[in-house]
Amino acid sequence: MMQNQLRVFFLLFALSAPAAFAQATGDLGLVVERTEGSLLVVDQSDRARIGRITGLGDLSHASLVYSPDARFGYVFGRDGGLTKVDILTQSIVGRVMQAGNSIGGAISDNGRYVAVSNYEPGGVRVFDADTLELVADIPTGSKTIGLVDIPGTRFVFSLWDDGETWIVDLSDAEPEITKITGMGANPYDALVTADGRTYIAGLFGDDHLTALDLWQHKPTPTPILEGYAAGREGLPVYKMPHLEGWALAGTEFVLPAVGQHEVLWVDARDLIQTGRTKTHGQPVFAIARPDGRHVWVNFAHPLNDTIQVIDTVSKEVIHQFTPGPGVLHMEFTPRGHEVWVSVRDAGKIMIYDTQNFEKLREIEALNPSGIFFTNRAHKMGL
């Protein structure tokens, strides 16, 4: 009798459990379909698409971040739209047109605030992550780039027009802003290390990069890789490198060079250059496999059908292949056993084994670009 009662109890419990318990989010991800204004919902273990979210506007240059519980994604669209999506219900739960042209964003370490970096009208706007209500409007008089989150409910970003970096502290009722001048001409993107200490801005108008030690009370700009293109012809830049796709392999940064067919190696401790690796074309993303042993690199037009894999011990290219036309982005599974590659002009996501480089599966997609797995919810600066 008791066994039958227990069976009935568990059956009734299962039938009454909320639908959300039927699917966790840790194995999921979102893929931007850039020309359709949509997101594919994908499952890593099944190597499959499981849904689509539509109605997100212009996603021709889009990125996204996740809430701490990895249920909600915040999508930054080229048209200035900030859209909050629910991965479990595969639906839009909020959307605001916050600017005329936005290029990225970040979520605070406590998950309370979402900040958006804007070209038009410039500046950064900060929103409540739950309601998408405006919390702070920070005008800069400049296009803003390289927006990242750091500990202490703070954001860091740089000004394209003015060569400055600003740190915004939102831990109190009123934002506290620290302005750092002398970063260099036309910072175009930036990265922050996983511990939130080192911020590196790439410069389009100078032949170096600039680093900040954010553990300093008032960080001082430090030029690194000075003159890395000296004595060589600058090549046409068809697509700017993305420093947020940076690689930290062991104790070295691997950074794409602007206007050169190479990646640059920098000691992460003293910021001194340690090497160069010639590449197939102008690198866009140089992304380290999670264990740091290999760096995968894709390239700008017209050589954007190719990926190269670089060994971080020898600093040499060990594998090269051509997934297809328009390789835009790469995303490793959390432990790095597979990599997902968006091949825009083929309309596919291609999945590869990172040990033997075997192709495991293809997934149909509509002009795919950025791939974002939910493990990003637990990482700084992504």
Protein backbone atom coordinates (compact mmCIF):
# COMPACT_ATOMS: atom_id res chain seq x y z
CA MET A 1 0.00 0.00 0.00
CA MET A 2 2.75 2.42 0.95
CA GLN A 3 4.60 1.83 -2.34
CA ASN A 4 1.45 2.57 -4.33
CA GLN A 5 0.89 5.78 -2.39
CA LEU A 6 4.46 6.89 -3.09
CA ARG A 7 4.05 6.17 -6.80
CA VAL A 8 0.89 8.28 -6.89
CA PHE A 9 2.61 11.09 -4.99
CA PHE A 10 5.58 11.26 -7.36
CA LEU A 11 3.31 11.04 -10.40
CA LEU A 12 1.19 13.95 -9.17
CA PHE A 13 4.35 15.93 -8.36
CA ALA A 14 5.76 15.37 -11.85
CA LEU A 15 2.51 16.40 -13.50
CA SER A 16 2.25 19.59 -11.43
CA ALA A 17 5.91 20.66 -11.74
CA PRO A 18 6.50 23.94 -13.62
CA ALA A 19 7.41 23.56 -17.28
CA ALA A 20 10.75 25.29 -16.68
CA PHE A 21 12.03 22.18 -14.88
CA ALA A 22 11.80 20.27 -18.15
CA GLN A 23 14.84 22.06 -19.59
CA ALA A 24 17.95 23.47 -17.94
CA THR A 25 19.98 26.16 -19.70
CA GLY A 26 23.58 25.13 -19.03
CA ASP A 27 23.84 23.17 -22.27
CA LEU A 28 22.15 25.77 -24.46
CA GLY A 29 23.26 28.71 -26.58
CA LEU A 30 22.07 31.40 -28.96
CA VAL A 31 23.26 32.01 -32.52
CA VAL A 32 22.68 35.38 -34.19
CA GLU A 33 21.02 35.21 -37.61
CA ARG A 34 22.27 38.59 -38.76
CA THR A 35 20.01 39.42 -41.71
CA GLU A 36 16.81 37.93 -40.31
CA GLY A 37 16.63 39.68 -36.94
CA SER A 38 16.43 36.29 -35.24
CA LEU A 39 18.27 33.98 -32.85
CA LEU A 40 18.66 30.23 -33.11
CA VAL A 41 18.38 28.37 -29.81
CA VAL A 42 20.86 25.48 -29.88
CA ASP A 43 21.72 22.48 -27.70
CA GLN A 44 25.43 21.66 -27.39
CA SER A 45 25.14 17.99 -26.40
CA ASP A 46 22.62 17.18 -29.11
CA ARG A 47 24.49 19.37 -31.63
CA ALA A 48 21.10 20.63 -32.75
CA ARG A 49 18.92 23.68 -33.08
CA ILE A 50 15.87 23.49 -30.85
CA GLY A 51 14.06 26.74 -31.63
CA ARG A 52 14.15 30.25 -33.04
CA ILE A 53 13.36 33.68 -31.54
CA THR A 54 12.29 36.32 -34.06
CA GLY A 55 11.60 40.05 -34.12
CA LEU A 56 14.89 41.44 -32.83
CA GLY A 57 15.47 44.10 -35.50
CA ASP A 58 18.81 44.81 -37.15
CA LEU A 59 21.35 42.21 -36.00
CA SER A 60 23.97 42.94 -38.67
CA HIS A 61 26.49 43.67 -35.90
CA ALA A 62 25.00 42.10 -32.80
CA SER A 63 26.27 40.64 -29.56
CA LEU A 64 24.67 39.46 -26.33
CA VAL A 65 25.25 38.69 -22.67
CA TYR A 66 23.44 36.43 -20.21
CA SER A 67 21.78 36.86 -16.83
CA PRO A 68 23.55 35.13 -13.90
CA ASP A 69 21.06 32.23 -13.98
CA ALA A 70 21.69 31.80 -17.74
CA ARG A 71 17.98 31.99 -18.51
CA PHE A 72 17.80 35.42 -20.11
CA GLY A 73 19.87 36.87 -22.92
CA TYR A 74 20.32 40.60 -23.53
CA VAL A 75 20.86 41.31 -27.21
CA PHE A 76 22.52 44.49 -28.49
CA GLY A 77 21.37 45.28 -32.04
CA ARG A 78 22.89 47.56 -34.63
CA ASP A 79 19.67 49.59 -34.77
CA GLY A 80 20.04 50.62 -31.11
CA GLY A 81 17.63 48.01 -29.84
CA LEU A 82 18.19 46.29 -26.50
CA THR A 83 16.17 43.08 -26.39
CA LYS A 84 15.72 40.69 -23.47
CA VAL A 85 14.91 37.12 -24.48
CA ASP A 86 13.88 34.07 -22.47
CA ILE A 87 15.78 30.98 -23.61
CA LEU A 88 13.36 28.53 -22.02
CA THR A 89 10.18 29.96 -23.53
CA GLN A 90 12.07 31.03 -26.68
CA SER A 91 10.43 34.44 -26.66
CA ILE A 92 11.07 38.17 -26.29
CA VAL A 93 10.21 39.44 -22.80
CA GLY A 94 11.28 43.07 -23.26
CA ARG A 95 12.65 45.44 -25.89
CA VAL A 96 13.67 49.11 -25.88
CA MET A 97 15.01 51.25 -28.70
CA GLN A 98 17.65 52.99 -26.62
CA ALA A 99 19.80 54.65 -29.32
CA GLY A 100 20.34 55.03 -33.05
CA ASN A 101 23.33 52.72 -33.45
CA SER A 102 24.74 50.46 -30.74
CA ILE A 103 27.73 48.13 -30.98
CA GLY A 104 27.80 46.07 -27.81
CA GLY A 105 27.15 45.86 -24.13
CA ALA A 106 27.84 44.19 -20.81
CA ILE A 107 26.07 43.04 -17.65
CA SER A 108 27.26 43.99 -14.16
CA ASP A 109 28.88 41.41 -11.89
CA ASN A 110 25.77 41.27 -9.67
CA GLY A 111 23.43 40.93 -12.65
CA ARG A 112 21.47 44.08 -11.77
CA TYR A 113 22.46 46.33 -14.66
CA VAL A 114 22.88 46.03 -18.41
CA ALA A 115 25.01 48.70 -20.10
CA VAL A 116 24.93 49.50 -23.82
CA SER A 117 27.71 51.15 -25.83
CA ASN A 118 26.53 53.51 -28.57
CA TYR A 119 27.84 55.11 -31.74
CA GLU A 120 24.78 57.32 -32.15
CA PRO A 121 24.33 59.51 -30.19
CA GLY A 122 27.42 58.16 -28.44
CA GLY A 123 27.79 57.49 -24.76
CA VAL A 124 26.62 54.60 -22.61
CA ARG A 125 23.15 53.92 -21.28
CA VAL A 126 22.50 51.62 -18.34
CA PHE A 127 19.28 49.69 -17.75
CA ASP A 128 17.68 47.66 -15.00
CA ALA A 129 18.21 44.01 -15.99
CA ASP A 130 14.75 42.97 -14.78
CA THR A 131 12.58 45.73 -16.23
CA LEU A 132 14.82 47.37 -18.89
CA GLU A 133 14.04 50.74 -17.29
CA LEU A 134 16.75 53.39 -17.81
CA VAL A 135 19.01 53.70 -14.76
CA ALA A 136 21.77 56.00 -16.02
CA ASP A 137 22.49 57.99 -19.17
CA ILE A 138 26.22 58.74 -19.57
CA PRO A 139 26.88 61.07 -22.53
CA THR A 140 30.45 61.19 -23.81
CA GLY A 141 30.33 63.31 -26.97
CA SER A 142 32.05 60.42 -28.72
CA LYS A 143 31.46 56.98 -30.15
CA THR A 144 32.06 54.46 -27.39
CA ILE A 145 33.75 51.07 -27.81
CA GLY A 146 35.29 48.30 -25.74
CA LEU A 147 32.61 48.20 -23.05
CA VAL A 148 33.30 45.51 -20.42
CA ASP A 149 32.22 44.68 -16.89
CA ILE A 150 34.66 44.53 -13.96
CA PRO A 151 34.22 43.72 -10.26
CA GLY A 152 32.47 46.16 -7.96
CA THR A 153 29.42 46.90 -10.14
CA ARG A 154 31.64 48.79 -12.56
CA PHE A 155 31.93 49.16 -16.32
CA VAL A 156 34.90 50.27 -18.44
CA PHE A 157 34.74 51.66 -21.98
CA SER A 158 36.78 53.82 -24.37
CA LEU A 159 36.07 56.83 -26.57
CA TRP A 160 36.91 56.53 -30.28
CA ASP A 161 36.97 60.29 -30.91
CA ASP A 162 38.79 61.44 -27.77
CA GLY A 163 41.25 58.66 -26.96
CA GLU A 164 40.01 58.30 -23.40
CA THR A 165 38.88 55.41 -21.20
CA TRP A 166 36.15 55.87 -18.59
CA ILE A 167 35.40 53.74 -15.53
CA VAL A 168 31.82 53.98 -14.26
CA ASP A 169 31.04 52.82 -10.72
CA LEU A 170 27.36 52.03 -10.12
CA SER A 171 27.67 50.68 -6.59
CA ASP A 172 26.03 53.82 -5.14
CA ALA A 173 22.89 55.73 -6.06
CA GLU A 174 24.75 58.11 -8.38
CA PRO A 175 27.29 56.89 -10.95
CA GLU A 176 30.90 57.77 -10.16
CA ILE A 177 33.01 58.32 -13.28
CA THR A 178 36.80 58.16 -13.53
CA LYS A 179 38.23 59.53 -16.79
CA ILE A 180 41.63 58.42 -18.05
CA THR A 181 43.20 60.48 -20.83
CA GLY A 182 46.11 59.73 -23.14
CA MET A 183 45.03 56.27 -24.26
CA GLY A 184 46.02 56.93 -27.89
CA ALA A 185 44.32 57.76 -31.18
CA ASN A 186 41.06 56.04 -32.11
CA PRO A 187 40.67 53.07 -29.77
CA TYR A 188 38.56 50.60 -31.76
CA ASP A 189 38.03 47.71 -29.32
CA ALA A 190 39.25 46.45 -25.97
CA LEU A 191 39.49 43.43 -23.72
CA VAL A 192 39.69 42.77 -19.99
CA THR A 193 41.41 39.81 -18.35
CA ALA A 194 39.39 37.20 -16.49
CA ASP A 195 40.41 38.64 -13.11
CA GLY A 196 39.24 42.11 -14.14
CA ARG A 197 42.68 43.61 -13.63
CA THR A 198 44.15 44.40 -17.07
CA TYR A 199 42.25 46.37 -19.72
CA ILE A 200 43.87 46.55 -23.17
CA ALA A 201 42.64 48.91 -25.88
CA GLY A 202 43.55 48.45 -29.54
CA LEU A 203 44.31 51.64 -31.47
CA PHE A 204 43.49 52.32 -35.09
CA GLY A 205 45.36 55.63 -35.17
CA ASP A 206 48.59 54.60 -33.39
CA ASP A 207 51.17 51.86 -33.89
CA HIS A 208 50.69 50.30 -30.46
CA LEU A 209 48.10 49.16 -27.95
CA THR A 210 47.46 50.64 -24.50
CA ALA A 211 47.05 48.79 -21.22
CA LEU A 212 45.55 49.85 -17.89
CA ASP A 213 46.09 48.22 -14.51
CA LEU A 214 42.59 48.55 -13.05
CA TRP A 215 43.84 47.64 -9.60
CA GLN A 216 45.49 51.06 -9.44
CA HIS A 217 43.45 53.80 -7.77
CA LYS A 218 43.90 56.02 -10.85
CA PRO A 219 45.15 53.75 -13.66
CA THR A 220 47.93 55.10 -15.85
CA PRO A 221 48.03 54.28 -19.59
CA THR A 222 50.92 51.99 -20.54
CA PRO A 223 51.79 51.61 -24.26
CA ILE A 224 52.51 48.04 -25.33
CA LEU A 225 53.70 46.57 -28.64
CA GLU A 226 55.05 49.98 -29.65
CA GLY A 227 55.98 50.11 -33.34
CA TYR A 228 54.73 46.60 -34.10
CA ALA A 229 54.05 47.60 -37.73
CA ALA A 230 57.15 49.76 -38.18
CA GLY A 231 58.91 49.33 -41.51
CA ARG A 232 56.07 47.33 -43.06
CA GLU A 233 53.35 48.44 -45.40
CA GLY A 234 49.96 48.80 -43.77
CA LEU A 235 47.40 46.68 -45.61
CA PRO A 236 43.80 47.75 -46.28
CA VAL A 237 41.63 46.96 -43.24
CA TYR A 238 38.44 45.31 -44.50
CA LYS A 239 37.23 44.36 -41.03
CA MET A 240 38.51 45.53 -37.68
CA PRO A 241 39.93 42.83 -35.40
CA HIS A 242 37.82 41.95 -32.37
CA LEU A 243 39.85 42.14 -29.20
CA GLU A 244 37.00 40.67 -27.16
CA GLY A 245 37.81 37.49 -29.03
CA TRP A 246 41.27 37.64 -27.44
CA ALA A 247 43.29 34.66 -26.37
CA LEU A 248 45.13 34.11 -23.11
CA ALA A 249 47.24 31.01 -23.55
CA GLY A 250 49.19 30.17 -20.43
CA THR A 251 50.99 33.39 -19.54
CA GLU A 252 50.73 35.03 -22.97
CA PHE A 253 48.16 37.13 -24.76
CA VAL A 254 47.61 36.40 -28.44
CA LEU A 255 46.35 39.53 -30.19
CA PRO A 256 45.38 40.21 -33.82
CA ALA A 257 47.49 42.88 -35.55
CA VAL A 258 45.72 45.74 -37.34
CA GLY A 259 46.59 45.93 -41.04
CA GLN A 260 49.01 42.99 -40.87
CA HIS A 261 48.81 39.26 -41.62
CA GLU A 262 49.93 38.11 -38.20
CA VAL A 263 49.08 37.65 -34.55
CA LEU A 264 51.21 39.12 -31.78
CA TRP A 265 52.30 37.39 -28.57
CA VAL A 266 52.60 39.39 -25.36
CA ASP A 267 53.70 38.27 -21.90
CA ALA A 268 50.65 38.81 -19.69
CA ARG A 269 52.81 39.62 -16.67
CA ASP A 270 55.07 42.38 -17.95
CA LEU A 271 53.28 43.17 -21.27
CA ILE A 272 56.46 42.68 -23.33
CA GLN A 273 56.21 41.21 -26.83
CA THR A 274 57.36 37.60 -27.01
CA GLY A 275 56.72 36.68 -30.63
CA ARG A 276 54.81 36.95 -33.91
CA THR A 277 53.08 34.35 -36.01
CA LYS A 278 52.43 34.91 -39.72
CA THR A 279 48.87 34.11 -40.68
CA HIS A 280 46.79 33.41 -43.77
CA GLY A 281 45.18 36.85 -43.72
CA GLN A 282 44.24 39.72 -41.44
CA PRO A 283 43.00 38.13 -38.21
CA VAL A 284 39.56 39.04 -36.88
CA PHE A 285 39.26 36.67 -33.91
CA ALA A 286 42.15 34.87 -32.20
CA ILE A 287 40.44 32.63 -29.63
CA ALA A 288 42.13 30.24 -27.23
CA ARG A 289 40.76 26.77 -26.63
CA PRO A 290 39.75 26.68 -22.94
CA ASP A 291 42.87 24.74 -21.95
CA GLY A 292 45.05 27.35 -23.72
CA ARG A 293 47.01 24.86 -25.83
CA HIS A 294 45.70 25.99 -29.23
CA VAL A 295 44.53 29.31 -30.65
CA TRP A 296 41.99 29.33 -33.47
CA VAL A 297 42.10 32.29 -35.88
CA ASN A 298 39.69 33.47 -38.56
CA PHE A 299 40.22 36.25 -41.10
CA ALA A 300 38.79 39.31 -42.81
CA HIS A 301 37.45 39.51 -46.35
CA PRO A 302 38.55 38.40 -48.93
CA LEU A 303 40.24 35.50 -47.11
CA ASN A 304 37.37 34.79 -44.75
CA ASP A 305 36.77 31.18 -45.79
CA THR A 306 39.72 29.87 -43.76
CA ILE A 307 40.62 28.99 -40.17
CA GLN A 308 44.13 28.42 -38.85
CA VAL A 309 45.04 26.64 -35.62
CA ILE A 310 48.20 27.78 -33.83
CA ASP A 311 50.09 25.71 -31.24
CA THR A 312 50.87 27.94 -28.27
CA VAL A 313 54.09 26.11 -27.38
CA SER A 314 55.74 26.39 -30.79
CA LYS A 315 53.76 29.47 -31.91
CA GLU A 316 53.41 27.77 -35.29
CA VAL A 317 50.36 27.05 -37.43
CA ILE A 318 49.61 23.33 -37.09
CA HIS A 319 46.36 23.07 -39.04
CA GLN A 320 44.52 25.03 -41.74
CA PHE A 321 41.16 24.32 -43.32
CA THR A 322 38.34 26.04 -45.21
CA PRO A 323 34.89 25.57 -43.67
CA GLY A 324 33.34 27.79 -46.37
CA PRO A 325 32.69 31.40 -47.38
CA GLY A 326 32.19 33.95 -44.63
CA VAL A 327 33.57 32.38 -41.45
CA LEU A 328 32.47 34.97 -38.90
CA HIS A 329 32.74 33.50 -35.43
CA MET A 330 33.96 30.54 -33.36
CA GLU A 331 32.73 29.38 -29.95
CA PHE A 332 34.22 26.57 -27.89
CA THR A 333 32.15 24.29 -25.74
CA PRO A 334 32.93 25.04 -22.07
CA ARG A 335 35.64 22.38 -21.72
CA GLY A 336 36.91 22.81 -25.26
CA HIS A 337 36.28 19.37 -26.76
CA GLU A 338 34.33 20.93 -29.66
CA VAL A 339 34.19 24.25 -31.49
CA TRP A 340 31.14 25.67 -33.29
CA VAL A 341 31.86 27.82 -36.37
CA SER A 342 29.41 30.17 -38.09
CA VAL A 343 29.79 30.12 -41.89
CA ARG A 344 27.55 32.96 -43.00
CA ASP A 345 27.51 32.56 -46.78
CA ALA A 346 27.00 28.80 -46.60
CA GLY A 347 24.09 29.27 -44.18
CA LYS A 348 25.52 26.78 -41.71
CA ILE A 349 26.92 26.24 -38.25
CA MET A 350 29.74 23.69 -38.48
CA ILE A 351 30.90 21.70 -35.46
CA TYR A 352 34.43 20.30 -35.18
CA ASP A 353 36.33 18.04 -32.81
CA THR A 354 39.19 20.17 -31.46
CA GLN A 355 41.60 17.24 -31.08
CA ASN A 356 41.51 15.69 -34.54
CA PHE A 357 39.72 18.56 -36.41
CA GLU A 358 37.05 16.19 -37.73
CA LYS A 359 33.76 17.80 -38.74
CA LEU A 360 31.02 16.33 -36.55
CA ARG A 361 27.86 18.00 -37.78
CA GLU A 362 26.33 20.87 -39.74
CA ILE A 363 23.30 22.87 -38.61
CA GLU A 364 21.29 24.96 -41.06
CA ALA A 365 21.08 28.65 -40.11
CA LEU A 366 20.07 31.92 -41.77
CA ASN A 367 23.25 33.99 -42.33
CA PRO A 368 24.71 33.08 -38.93
CA SER A 369 27.26 35.24 -37.15
CA GLY A 370 27.86 35.36 -33.38
CA ILE A 371 27.61 32.13 -31.36
CA PHE A 372 27.05 32.53 -27.61
CA PHE A 373 26.88 29.59 -25.19
CA THR A 374 25.35 30.15 -21.77
CA ASN A 375 28.57 29.43 -19.86
CA ARG A 376 29.38 33.05 -20.74
CA ALA A 377 27.02 34.00 -17.90
CA HIS A 378 29.78 33.11 -15.46
CA LYS A 379 32.69 34.87 -17.16
CA MET A 380 33.84 38.47 -16.91
CA GLY A 381 34.23 40.75 -19.90
CA LEU A 382 32.25 38.64 -22.41
